[in-house]
Amino acid sequence: MAKKDSAKPLTRKQKQQWDHIIETLQEYLTTAEGLALYERMENLFARIHRSKQELPKLTIQEERALNFIRRKLNQGRSPSVREIGRALGLRSSRSAFRIIQRLIAKQQIERSSARQRHLLIKI
């Protein structure tokens, strides 16, 4: 694998090729399809940037809840507040709801706008 510091300067032909690629990309991004692709890329880069930032500390209960939610989502469905509470050994669903609210505040999960009572794990 080549080191980043030892990169050679671009040749004139390579610069022309990059200029052509950039011009073509600029034209494409003015189309409806190009704008949709740009928005998807923007969301992806925002998530990558967010995941590289320092993550907030989670309590043991928050960590357990997050792992439970992750397992349920991997099985193909989002858990209910009561299921999360039962998995954590809580008597009150309100306590589970508060944990979910803290995970949302710490940007670990988010509620899906497409489906009611559906949680999504943030990257």
Protein backbone atom coordinates (compact mmCIF):
# COMPACT_ATOMS: atom_id res chain seq x y z
CA MET A 1 0.00 0.00 0.00
CA ALA A 2 1.41 3.41 -0.95
CA LYS A 3 1.96 6.07 1.70
CA LYS A 4 -0.06 9.27 1.48
CA ASP A 5 3.03 11.47 1.84
CA SER A 6 4.82 9.92 -1.14
CA ALA A 7 2.12 10.80 -3.71
CA LYS A 8 3.55 11.94 -7.01
CA PRO A 9 2.27 15.13 -8.62
CA LEU A 10 -0.32 14.60 -11.35
CA THR A 11 0.77 14.65 -14.95
CA ARG A 12 -0.79 17.09 -17.36
CA LYS A 13 -2.90 14.31 -18.89
CA GLN A 14 -4.13 13.20 -15.45
CA LYS A 15 -5.11 16.78 -14.60
CA GLN A 16 -7.08 17.01 -17.86
CA GLN A 17 -8.82 13.72 -17.07
CA TRP A 18 -9.79 14.96 -13.61
CA ASP A 19 -11.05 18.23 -15.07
CA HIS A 20 -13.25 16.25 -17.50
CA ILE A 21 -14.59 14.08 -14.67
CA ILE A 22 -15.43 17.15 -12.56
CA GLU A 23 -17.19 18.88 -15.47
CA THR A 24 -19.23 15.77 -16.23
CA LEU A 25 -20.15 15.39 -12.57
CA GLN A 26 -21.24 19.04 -12.35
CA GLU A 27 -23.54 18.56 -15.36
CA TYR A 28 -24.97 15.33 -13.91
CA LEU A 29 -25.68 16.93 -10.54
CA THR A 30 -28.01 19.45 -12.19
CA THR A 31 -30.38 16.63 -13.20
CA ALA A 32 -33.10 15.25 -10.90
CA GLU A 33 -31.30 11.90 -10.69
CA GLY A 34 -28.04 13.67 -9.90
CA LEU A 35 -29.64 15.75 -7.14
CA ALA A 36 -31.08 12.60 -5.55
CA LEU A 37 -27.66 10.95 -5.64
CA TYR A 38 -26.07 14.08 -4.17
CA GLU A 39 -28.53 14.04 -1.24
CA ARG A 40 -27.80 10.36 -0.57
CA MET A 41 -24.06 11.04 -0.62
CA GLU A 42 -24.49 14.04 1.67
CA ASN A 43 -26.40 11.92 4.21
CA LEU A 44 -23.79 9.19 4.02
CA PHE A 45 -20.90 11.58 4.62
CA ALA A 46 -22.75 13.25 7.48
CA ARG A 47 -23.24 9.85 9.16
CA ILE A 48 -19.60 8.92 8.65
CA HIS A 49 -18.49 12.25 10.10
CA ARG A 50 -20.87 11.87 13.04
CA SER A 51 -19.61 8.33 13.75
CA LYS A 52 -16.01 9.57 13.88
CA GLN A 53 -16.85 12.18 16.49
CA GLU A 54 -16.42 11.14 20.09
CA LEU A 55 -19.42 9.15 21.21
CA PRO A 56 -21.13 10.13 24.47
CA LYS A 57 -20.73 7.84 27.46
CA LEU A 58 -23.60 5.43 27.98
CA THR A 59 -24.82 4.04 31.26
CA ILE A 60 -24.94 0.26 31.69
CA GLN A 61 -28.72 0.28 31.21
CA GLU A 62 -28.44 2.41 28.07
CA GLU A 63 -25.80 0.06 26.68
CA ARG A 64 -27.98 -2.98 27.42
CA ALA A 65 -31.02 -1.30 25.85
CA LEU A 66 -29.03 -0.36 22.76
CA ASN A 67 -27.76 -3.93 22.38
CA PHE A 68 -31.29 -5.28 22.78
CA ILE A 69 -32.65 -2.86 20.17
CA ARG A 70 -29.80 -3.82 17.82
CA ARG A 71 -30.58 -7.55 18.22
CA LYS A 72 -34.29 -7.01 17.55
CA LEU A 73 -33.59 -4.86 14.48
CA ASN A 74 -31.26 -7.57 13.17
CA GLN A 75 -34.18 -10.00 13.54
CA GLY A 76 -36.21 -7.69 11.31
CA ARG A 77 -38.38 -5.70 13.68
CA SER A 78 -38.22 -2.85 16.15
CA PRO A 79 -38.89 -3.71 19.81
CA SER A 80 -41.69 -2.09 21.77
CA VAL A 81 -41.05 0.02 24.85
CA ARG A 82 -42.47 -2.77 27.02
CA GLU A 83 -40.17 -5.36 25.42
CA ILE A 84 -37.17 -3.15 26.12
CA GLY A 85 -38.33 -2.72 29.70
CA ARG A 86 -38.79 -6.46 30.18
CA ALA A 87 -35.36 -7.19 28.67
CA LEU A 88 -33.78 -4.77 31.17
CA GLY A 89 -35.78 -6.15 34.10
CA LEU A 90 -37.71 -2.92 34.63
CA ARG A 91 -41.17 -2.89 36.20
CA SER A 92 -42.35 0.30 34.52
CA SER A 93 -42.53 0.96 30.79
CA ARG A 94 -42.02 4.65 31.68
CA SER A 95 -38.48 3.79 32.85
CA ALA A 96 -37.80 2.09 29.50
CA PHE A 97 -39.25 5.13 27.73
CA ARG A 98 -36.84 7.42 29.62
CA ILE A 99 -33.89 5.24 28.58
CA ILE A 100 -35.04 5.45 24.95
CA GLN A 101 -35.33 9.24 25.28
CA ARG A 102 -31.76 9.43 26.66
CA LEU A 103 -30.47 7.28 23.77
CA ILE A 104 -32.20 9.61 21.32
CA ALA A 105 -30.71 12.65 23.10
CA LYS A 106 -27.25 11.05 22.92
CA GLN A 107 -27.87 10.45 19.20
CA GLN A 108 -27.48 6.68 19.44
CA ILE A 109 -30.94 5.93 18.02
CA GLU A 110 -33.67 7.86 16.27
CA ARG A 111 -37.36 7.38 15.71
CA SER A 112 -38.34 6.51 12.16
CA SER A 113 -40.50 9.15 10.53
CA ALA A 114 -41.84 6.53 8.12
CA ARG A 115 -43.22 4.09 10.69
CA GLN A 116 -44.86 4.69 14.03
CA ARG A 117 -43.08 3.24 17.09
CA HIS A 118 -40.08 2.25 14.97
CA LEU A 119 -36.52 2.89 16.17
CA LEU A 120 -33.41 3.17 14.02
CA ILE A 121 -29.80 2.76 15.14
CA LYS A 122 -27.56 5.63 14.11
CA ILE A 123 -24.17 4.79 12.74
